[in-house]
Amino acid sequence: MPDMFHGVGETSRTLVVSDVILAAQGLTKSFQSGDRLLEVLRGVDLSVSAGESVSIRGESGSGKSTLLHLLAGLDAVDSGELAWDGLADTGAARRGRFLGMVFQSFYLIPELTALDNVLMAARMVGRIGTAERARAALLLKRVGLTERADHVPAKLSGGERQRVAVARAMMNCPRLLLADEPTGNLDEKTGEAVIQLLLDLCGETGTAFVLVTHNAAHAARTDRQLSMHAGELSAAS
């Protein structure tokens, strides 16, 4: 692990690539639409190992974002089993420590500076102090935003906002990073830079990475490529 992460709240660990970080089996999810029951996910199985990067592609409405929300514990499954690092506890108390998330729409707090937005992840799990402030500053340096640390989101470009969101997602040293169309609001060049940053950071820290994307080129850069169609997940062809 690079020296820049030492002494700023990172717990050292030896990663074994075969260790299963995320295990989902038989996940189903339906939503009521008027008098119709829409089956969004139909028995999805997914296993992700420590340090592995996985991409999921599929047309709009195929169930990609719904699946990511279930994997993140943000929504309850109708049936099936989900485990993080071998434990079925996917509640909010554990979520902030186990995983980080990056969304298409950034979701930064408008009144807070870039630095304080990154620190918000630490505040959510009750860890805020000198070490956390140092880690947040180093993460902003790592994503190239040291000079923008005191700027609020309105003063940042779209690409800069997403880099702040990436730093925030990595703040609590997550075992797993989930990204839902993280380049959807960015131009092609900026989007490429954000994908490279996500892959680099996860590679440096041994963080497992699941990327939902429409972009075939971005998907091809992950260790494993999957495809979702009509609520079913399979290896990309």
C-alpha atoms as a PDB file:
ATOM      1  CA  MET A   1       0.000   0.000   0.000  1.00  0.00           C
ATOM      2  CA  PRO A   2       1.405   3.429  -0.890  1.00  0.00           C
ATOM      3  CA  ASP A   3       3.012   5.467   1.877  1.00  0.00           C
ATOM      4  CA  MET A   4       0.485   8.261   1.439  1.00  0.00           C
ATOM      5  CA  PHE A   5      -2.132   6.128   3.214  1.00  0.00           C
ATOM      6  CA  HIS A   6       0.043   5.218   6.206  1.00  0.00           C
ATOM      7  CA  GLY A   7      -0.806   6.889   9.483  1.00  0.00           C
ATOM      8  CA  VAL A   8      -4.128   8.287   8.344  1.00  0.00           C
ATOM      9  CA  GLY A   9      -6.516   5.690   9.692  1.00  0.00           C
ATOM     10  CA  GLU A  10      -5.797   2.838   7.275  1.00  0.00           C
ATOM     11  CA  THR A  11      -5.772  -0.587   8.905  1.00  0.00           C
ATOM     12  CA  SER A  12      -3.015  -2.704   7.394  1.00  0.00           C
ATOM     13  CA  ARG A  13      -4.108  -6.111   6.157  1.00  0.00           C
ATOM     14  CA  THR A  14      -2.911  -8.873   3.885  1.00  0.00           C
ATOM     15  CA  LEU A  15      -5.392  -9.417   1.105  1.00  0.00           C
ATOM     16  CA  VAL A  16      -6.054 -12.890  -0.246  1.00  0.00           C
ATOM     17  CA  VAL A  17      -7.543 -12.582  -3.704  1.00  0.00           C
ATOM     18  CA  SER A  18      -9.660 -15.727  -3.220  1.00  0.00           C
ATOM     19  CA  ASP A  19     -11.416 -14.224  -0.170  1.00  0.00           C
ATOM     20  CA  VAL A  20     -15.057 -13.561  -1.041  1.00  0.00           C
ATOM     21  CA  ILE A  21     -15.962  -9.994  -0.101  1.00  0.00           C
ATOM     22  CA  LEU A  22     -19.454  -9.911  -1.595  1.00  0.00           C
ATOM     23  CA  ALA A  23     -21.732 -12.938  -2.018  1.00  0.00           C
ATOM     24  CA  ALA A  24     -25.256 -12.742  -3.418  1.00  0.00           C
ATOM     25  CA  GLN A  25     -27.395 -15.774  -4.177  1.00  0.00           C
ATOM     26  CA  GLY A  26     -30.837 -15.935  -5.728  1.00  0.00           C
ATOM     27  CA  LEU A  27     -31.640 -12.231  -5.314  1.00  0.00           C
ATOM     28  CA  THR A  28     -35.110 -11.253  -6.486  1.00  0.00           C
ATOM     29  CA  LYS A  29     -36.839  -7.883  -6.461  1.00  0.00           C
ATOM     30  CA  SER A  30     -40.250  -6.799  -7.738  1.00  0.00           C
ATOM     31  CA  PHE A  31     -42.140  -3.512  -7.747  1.00  0.00           C
ATOM     32  CA  GLN A  32     -45.855  -2.864  -8.010  1.00  0.00           C
ATOM     33  CA  SER A  33     -46.870  -0.640 -10.953  1.00  0.00           C
ATOM     34  CA  GLY A  34     -50.592  -0.073 -10.898  1.00  0.00           C
ATOM     35  CA  ASP A  35     -52.153  -3.530 -11.147  1.00  0.00           C
ATOM     36  CA  ARG A  36     -48.944  -5.069 -12.506  1.00  0.00           C
ATOM     37  CA  LEU A  37     -46.084  -6.652 -10.581  1.00  0.00           C
ATOM     38  CA  LEU A  38     -42.787  -5.863 -12.313  1.00  0.00           C
ATOM     39  CA  GLU A  39     -40.073  -8.468 -11.779  1.00  0.00           C
ATOM     40  CA  VAL A  40     -36.878  -6.391 -11.844  1.00  0.00           C
ATOM     41  CA  LEU A  41     -34.411  -9.032 -10.619  1.00  0.00           C
ATOM     42  CA  ARG A  42     -34.884 -12.749 -11.238  1.00  0.00           C
ATOM     43  CA  GLY A  43     -32.614 -14.886  -9.070  1.00  0.00           C
ATOM     44  CA  VAL A  44     -29.312 -13.021  -9.406  1.00  0.00           C
ATOM     45  CA  ASP A  45     -26.112 -14.701  -8.213  1.00  0.00           C
ATOM     46  CA  LEU A  46     -22.883 -12.704  -7.805  1.00  0.00           C
ATOM     47  CA  SER A  47     -19.615 -13.321  -5.995  1.00  0.00           C
ATOM     48  CA  VAL A  48     -16.803 -10.762  -5.812  1.00  0.00           C
ATOM     49  CA  SER A  49     -13.370 -11.484  -4.370  1.00  0.00           C
ATOM     50  CA  ALA A  50     -11.040  -9.166  -2.475  1.00  0.00           C
ATOM     51  CA  GLY A  51      -9.137  -6.922  -4.864  1.00  0.00           C
ATOM     52  CA  GLU A  52     -11.280  -7.912  -7.859  1.00  0.00           C
ATOM     53  CA  SER A  53     -12.934  -5.430 -10.229  1.00  0.00           C
ATOM     54  CA  VAL A  54     -16.237  -6.376 -11.875  1.00  0.00           C
ATOM     55  CA  SER A  55     -18.353  -4.454 -14.376  1.00  0.00           C
ATOM     56  CA  ILE A  56     -22.071  -4.854 -15.071  1.00  0.00           C
ATOM     57  CA  ARG A  57     -23.536  -3.602 -18.342  1.00  0.00           C
ATOM     58  CA  GLY A  58     -27.086  -3.648 -19.622  1.00  0.00           C
ATOM     59  CA  GLU A  59     -29.773  -1.566 -21.267  1.00  0.00           C
ATOM     60  CA  SER A  60     -31.817   0.949 -19.290  1.00  0.00           C
ATOM     61  CA  GLY A  61     -34.398  -0.817 -17.164  1.00  0.00           C
ATOM     62  CA  SER A  62     -32.504  -4.110 -17.082  1.00  0.00           C
ATOM     63  CA  GLY A  63     -32.132  -3.941 -13.284  1.00  0.00           C
ATOM     64  CA  LYS A  64     -28.505  -2.787 -12.918  1.00  0.00           C
ATOM     65  CA  SER A  65     -29.111   0.060 -10.481  1.00  0.00           C
ATOM     66  CA  THR A  66     -31.663  -1.964  -8.522  1.00  0.00           C
ATOM     67  CA  LEU A  67     -29.073  -4.700  -8.100  1.00  0.00           C
ATOM     68  CA  LEU A  68     -26.449  -2.225  -6.925  1.00  0.00           C
ATOM     69  CA  HIS A  69     -28.854  -0.796  -4.339  1.00  0.00           C
ATOM     70  CA  LEU A  70     -29.522  -4.297  -3.013  1.00  0.00           C
ATOM     71  CA  LEU A  71     -25.806  -5.095  -2.891  1.00  0.00           C
ATOM     72  CA  ALA A  72     -25.294  -1.874  -0.925  1.00  0.00           C
ATOM     73  CA  GLY A  73     -28.004  -2.729   1.578  1.00  0.00           C
ATOM     74  CA  LEU A  74     -29.960   0.372   0.571  1.00  0.00           C
ATOM     75  CA  ASP A  75     -33.042  -1.670  -0.296  1.00  0.00           C
ATOM     76  CA  ALA A  76     -34.350  -5.008   0.945  1.00  0.00           C
ATOM     77  CA  VAL A  77     -34.415  -8.105  -1.243  1.00  0.00           C
ATOM     78  CA  ASP A  78     -37.691  -9.945  -1.795  1.00  0.00           C
ATOM     79  CA  SER A  79     -35.843 -13.256  -1.580  1.00  0.00           C
ATOM     80  CA  GLY A  80     -32.309 -14.556  -1.726  1.00  0.00           C
ATOM     81  CA  GLU A  81     -29.228 -14.162   0.430  1.00  0.00           C
ATOM     82  CA  LEU A  82     -26.608 -11.405   0.634  1.00  0.00           C
ATOM     83  CA  ALA A  83     -23.407 -11.386   2.676  1.00  0.00           C
ATOM     84  CA  TRP A  84     -20.601  -8.868   3.106  1.00  0.00           C
ATOM     85  CA  ASP A  85     -17.310 -10.513   3.987  1.00  0.00           C
ATOM     86  CA  GLY A  86     -19.178 -13.626   5.098  1.00  0.00           C
ATOM     87  CA  LEU A  87     -21.705 -11.827   7.325  1.00  0.00           C
ATOM     88  CA  ALA A  88     -25.394 -11.296   6.584  1.00  0.00           C
ATOM     89  CA  ASP A  89     -25.418  -7.976   8.477  1.00  0.00           C
ATOM     90  CA  THR A  90     -25.893  -5.330   5.757  1.00  0.00           C
ATOM     91  CA  GLY A  91     -27.377  -2.645   7.989  1.00  0.00           C
ATOM     92  CA  ALA A  92     -26.525   1.045   8.051  1.00  0.00           C
ATOM     93  CA  ALA A  93     -24.169   0.749  11.023  1.00  0.00           C
ATOM     94  CA  ARG A  94     -21.918  -1.657   9.140  1.00  0.00           C
ATOM     95  CA  ARG A  95     -22.394  -0.130   5.686  1.00  0.00           C
ATOM     96  CA  GLY A  96     -20.377   3.017   6.357  1.00  0.00           C
ATOM     97  CA  ARG A  97     -17.354   0.994   7.388  1.00  0.00           C
ATOM     98  CA  PHE A  98     -17.590  -1.838   4.876  1.00  0.00           C
ATOM     99  CA  LEU A  99     -18.337  -0.118   1.590  1.00  0.00           C
ATOM    100  CA  GLY A 100     -18.089   3.148  -0.306  1.00  0.00           C
ATOM    101  CA  MET A 101     -20.404   4.325  -3.074  1.00  0.00           C
ATOM    102  CA  VAL A 102     -20.018   6.640  -6.057  1.00  0.00           C
ATOM    103  CA  PHE A 103     -23.133   7.797  -7.898  1.00  0.00           C
ATOM    104  CA  GLN A 104     -23.806   9.491 -11.223  1.00  0.00           C
ATOM    105  CA  SER A 105     -25.106  12.646  -9.541  1.00  0.00           C
ATOM    106  CA  PHE A 106     -22.240  13.185  -7.042  1.00  0.00           C
ATOM    107  CA  TYR A 107     -24.541  13.897  -4.034  1.00  0.00           C
ATOM    108  CA  LEU A 108     -22.192  16.402  -2.411  1.00  0.00           C
ATOM    109  CA  ILE A 109     -23.522  18.686   0.329  1.00  0.00           C
ATOM    110  CA  PRO A 110     -23.691  22.159  -1.292  1.00  0.00           C
ATOM    111  CA  GLU A 111     -22.812  24.133   1.848  1.00  0.00           C
ATOM    112  CA  LEU A 112     -19.684  22.116   2.651  1.00  0.00           C
ATOM    113  CA  THR A 113     -16.199  22.477   1.200  1.00  0.00           C
ATOM    114  CA  ALA A 114     -14.576  19.655  -0.738  1.00  0.00           C
ATOM    115  CA  LEU A 115     -12.591  18.694   2.374  1.00  0.00           C
ATOM    116  CA  ASP A 116     -15.660  18.656   4.622  1.00  0.00           C
ATOM    117  CA  ASN A 117     -17.615  16.616   2.055  1.00  0.00           C
ATOM    118  CA  VAL A 118     -14.895  13.961   2.191  1.00  0.00           C
ATOM    119  CA  LEU A 119     -14.877  14.103   5.996  1.00  0.00           C
ATOM    120  CA  MET A 120     -18.645  13.564   6.077  1.00  0.00           C
ATOM    121  CA  ALA A 121     -18.069   9.850   5.472  1.00  0.00           C
ATOM    122  CA  ALA A 122     -16.025   9.681   8.689  1.00  0.00           C
ATOM    123  CA  ARG A 123     -18.635  11.683  10.595  1.00  0.00           C
ATOM    124  CA  MET A 124     -21.326   9.213   9.545  1.00  0.00           C
ATOM    125  CA  VAL A 125     -19.515   6.414  11.389  1.00  0.00           C
ATOM    126  CA  GLY A 126     -18.559   8.551  14.386  1.00  0.00           C
ATOM    127  CA  ARG A 127     -14.872   8.840  13.596  1.00  0.00           C
ATOM    128  CA  ILE A 128     -13.627  12.406  13.281  1.00  0.00           C
ATOM    129  CA  GLY A 129     -10.317  13.707  14.543  1.00  0.00           C
ATOM    130  CA  THR A 130      -6.796  14.637  13.534  1.00  0.00           C
ATOM    131  CA  ALA A 131      -6.118  11.328  11.793  1.00  0.00           C
ATOM    132  CA  GLU A 132      -9.325  11.544   9.766  1.00  0.00           C
ATOM    133  CA  ARG A 133      -8.625  15.141   8.727  1.00  0.00           C
ATOM    134  CA  ALA A 134      -5.143  14.107   7.610  1.00  0.00           C
ATOM    135  CA  ARG A 135      -6.529  11.189   5.607  1.00  0.00           C
ATOM    136  CA  ALA A 136      -9.151  13.401   3.938  1.00  0.00           C
ATOM    137  CA  ALA A 137      -6.474  15.908   2.948  1.00  0.00           C
ATOM    138  CA  LEU A 138      -4.269  13.135   1.533  1.00  0.00           C
ATOM    139  CA  LEU A 139      -7.175  11.662  -0.405  1.00  0.00           C
ATOM    140  CA  LEU A 140      -7.893  15.058  -1.947  1.00  0.00           C
ATOM    141  CA  LYS A 141      -4.218  15.267  -2.868  1.00  0.00           C
ATOM    142  CA  ARG A 142      -4.439  11.801  -4.409  1.00  0.00           C
ATOM    143  CA  VAL A 143      -7.373  12.836  -6.602  1.00  0.00           C
ATOM    144  CA  GLY A 144      -5.603  16.057  -7.579  1.00  0.00           C
ATOM    145  CA  LEU A 145      -7.701  18.537  -5.626  1.00  0.00           C
ATOM    146  CA  THR A 146      -5.418  19.902  -2.911  1.00  0.00           C
ATOM    147  CA  GLU A 147      -5.838  23.417  -4.269  1.00  0.00           C
ATOM    148  CA  ARG A 148      -9.625  23.036  -4.287  1.00  0.00           C
ATOM    149  CA  ALA A 149     -10.050  21.685  -0.753  1.00  0.00           C
ATOM    150  CA  ASP A 150     -11.715  24.887   0.505  1.00  0.00           C
ATOM    151  CA  HIS A 151     -14.091  25.235  -2.454  1.00  0.00           C
ATOM    152  CA  VAL A 152     -17.789  24.400  -2.201  1.00  0.00           C
ATOM    153  CA  PRO A 153     -19.291  22.182  -4.955  1.00  0.00           C
ATOM    154  CA  ALA A 154     -20.714  25.153  -6.884  1.00  0.00           C
ATOM    155  CA  LYS A 155     -17.145  26.337  -7.446  1.00  0.00           C
ATOM    156  CA  LEU A 156     -16.036  22.970  -8.842  1.00  0.00           C
ATOM    157  CA  SER A 157     -16.398  21.462 -12.304  1.00  0.00           C
ATOM    158  CA  GLY A 158     -18.346  18.251 -12.835  1.00  0.00           C
ATOM    159  CA  GLY A 159     -15.176  16.216 -12.980  1.00  0.00           C
ATOM    160  CA  GLU A 160     -13.865  17.835  -9.804  1.00  0.00           C
ATOM    161  CA  ARG A 161     -17.127  17.101  -7.995  1.00  0.00           C
ATOM    162  CA  GLN A 162     -16.919  13.457  -8.961  1.00  0.00           C
ATOM    163  CA  ARG A 163     -13.312  13.261  -7.768  1.00  0.00           C
ATOM    164  CA  VAL A 164     -14.449  14.648  -4.407  1.00  0.00           C
ATOM    165  CA  ALA A 165     -17.136  11.941  -4.365  1.00  0.00           C
ATOM    166  CA  VAL A 166     -14.489   9.303  -5.089  1.00  0.00           C
ATOM    167  CA  ALA A 167     -12.326  10.574  -2.220  1.00  0.00           C
ATOM    168  CA  ARG A 168     -15.350  10.518   0.085  1.00  0.00           C
ATOM    169  CA  ALA A 169     -16.142   6.925  -0.941  1.00  0.00           C
ATOM    170  CA  MET A 170     -12.586   5.879  -0.007  1.00  0.00           C
ATOM    171  CA  MET A 171     -12.507   7.817   3.274  1.00  0.00           C
ATOM    172  CA  ASN A 172     -13.333   4.909   5.586  1.00  0.00           C
ATOM    173  CA  CYS A 173     -10.967   2.405   3.908  1.00  0.00           C
ATOM    174  CA  PRO A 174     -13.827   0.304   2.460  1.00  0.00           C
ATOM    175  CA  ARG A 175     -13.449  -3.359   1.586  1.00  0.00           C
ATOM    176  CA  LEU A 176     -15.855  -2.820  -1.320  1.00  0.00           C
ATOM    177  CA  LEU A 177     -16.524   0.129  -3.650  1.00  0.00           C
ATOM    178  CA  LEU A 178     -19.753   0.294  -5.667  1.00  0.00           C
ATOM    179  CA  ALA A 179     -20.087   2.782  -8.544  1.00  0.00           C
ATOM    180  CA  ASP A 180     -23.382   3.431 -10.336  1.00  0.00           C
ATOM    181  CA  GLU A 181     -22.790   5.088 -13.739  1.00  0.00           C
ATOM    182  CA  PRO A 182     -20.053   7.332 -12.233  1.00  0.00           C
ATOM    183  CA  THR A 183     -19.268   8.952 -15.612  1.00  0.00           C
ATOM    184  CA  GLY A 184     -22.877   9.514 -16.679  1.00  0.00           C
ATOM    185  CA  ASN A 185     -22.735  13.298 -16.133  1.00  0.00           C
ATOM    186  CA  LEU A 186     -19.199  13.766 -17.462  1.00  0.00           C
ATOM    187  CA  ASP A 187     -17.685  14.322 -20.895  1.00  0.00           C
ATOM    188  CA  GLU A 188     -15.693  11.482 -22.443  1.00  0.00           C
ATOM    189  CA  LYS A 189     -12.223  12.692 -21.470  1.00  0.00           C
ATOM    190  CA  THR A 190     -13.204  13.491 -17.881  1.00  0.00           C
ATOM    191  CA  GLY A 191     -15.076  10.198 -17.608  1.00  0.00           C
ATOM    192  CA  GLU A 192     -11.993   8.269 -18.696  1.00  0.00           C
ATOM    193  CA  ALA A 193      -9.948  10.047 -16.012  1.00  0.00           C
ATOM    194  CA  VAL A 194     -12.497   9.180 -13.300  1.00  0.00           C
ATOM    195  CA  ILE A 195     -12.571   5.491 -14.304  1.00  0.00           C
ATOM    196  CA  GLN A 196      -8.770   5.382 -14.230  1.00  0.00           C
ATOM    197  CA  LEU A 197      -8.801   7.001 -10.794  1.00  0.00           C
ATOM    198  CA  LEU A 198     -11.301   4.461  -9.450  1.00  0.00           C
ATOM    199  CA  LEU A 199      -9.302   1.528 -10.808  1.00  0.00           C
ATOM    200  CA  ASP A 200      -6.022   2.961  -9.524  1.00  0.00           C
ATOM    201  CA  LEU A 201      -7.325   3.654  -6.018  1.00  0.00           C
ATOM    202  CA  CYS A 202      -8.926   0.231  -5.701  1.00  0.00           C
ATOM    203  CA  GLY A 203      -5.751  -1.382  -6.983  1.00  0.00           C
ATOM    204  CA  GLU A 204      -3.610   0.524  -4.490  1.00  0.00           C
ATOM    205  CA  THR A 205      -5.766  -0.379  -1.508  1.00  0.00           C
ATOM    206  CA  GLY A 206      -6.948  -3.875  -2.484  1.00  0.00           C
ATOM    207  CA  THR A 207     -10.568  -2.694  -2.486  1.00  0.00           C
ATOM    208  CA  ALA A 208     -13.034  -4.832  -4.431  1.00  0.00           C
ATOM    209  CA  PHE A 209     -14.803  -2.767  -7.101  1.00  0.00           C
ATOM    210  CA  VAL A 210     -18.193  -3.233  -8.773  1.00  0.00           C
ATOM    211  CA  LEU A 211     -18.924  -0.837 -11.645  1.00  0.00           C
ATOM    212  CA  VAL A 212     -22.329  -0.381 -13.279  1.00  0.00           C
ATOM    213  CA  THR A 213     -21.882   1.336 -16.636  1.00  0.00           C
ATOM    214  CA  HIS A 214     -23.293   1.707 -20.146  1.00  0.00           C
ATOM    215  CA  ASN A 215     -19.787   2.307 -21.495  1.00  0.00           C
ATOM    216  CA  ALA A 216     -18.275  -0.790 -23.124  1.00  0.00           C
ATOM    217  CA  ALA A 217     -14.736   0.624 -23.039  1.00  0.00           C
ATOM    218  CA  HIS A 218     -14.962   1.317 -19.310  1.00  0.00           C
ATOM    219  CA  ALA A 219     -16.417  -2.124 -18.629  1.00  0.00           C
ATOM    220  CA  ALA A 220     -13.602  -3.796 -20.560  1.00  0.00           C
ATOM    221  CA  ARG A 221     -11.027  -2.399 -18.139  1.00  0.00           C
ATOM    222  CA  THR A 222     -12.294  -4.449 -15.185  1.00  0.00           C
ATOM    223  CA  ASP A 223     -11.074  -7.944 -14.309  1.00  0.00           C
ATOM    224  CA  ARG A 224     -14.460  -9.484 -15.072  1.00  0.00           C
ATOM    225  CA  GLN A 225     -17.323  -8.291 -17.269  1.00  0.00           C
ATOM    226  CA  LEU A 226     -20.963  -9.220 -16.670  1.00  0.00           C
ATOM    227  CA  SER A 227     -24.147  -8.386 -18.520  1.00  0.00           C
ATOM    228  CA  MET A 228     -27.661  -7.838 -17.209  1.00  0.00           C
ATOM    229  CA  HIS A 229     -30.742  -8.440 -19.324  1.00  0.00           C
ATOM    230  CA  ALA A 230     -34.350  -8.551 -18.127  1.00  0.00           C
ATOM    231  CA  GLY A 231     -33.266  -8.929 -14.529  1.00  0.00           C
ATOM    232  CA  GLU A 232     -30.831 -11.783 -15.112  1.00  0.00           C
ATOM    233  CA  LEU A 233     -27.044 -11.586 -14.745  1.00  0.00           C
ATOM    234  CA  SER A 234     -24.607 -13.499 -16.927  1.00  0.00           C
ATOM    235  CA  ALA A 235     -21.057 -13.344 -18.253  1.00  0.00           C
ATOM    236  CA  ALA A 236     -20.678 -10.689 -20.946  1.00  0.00           C
ATOM    237  CA  SER A 237     -20.513 -12.106 -24.447  1.00  0.00           C
END
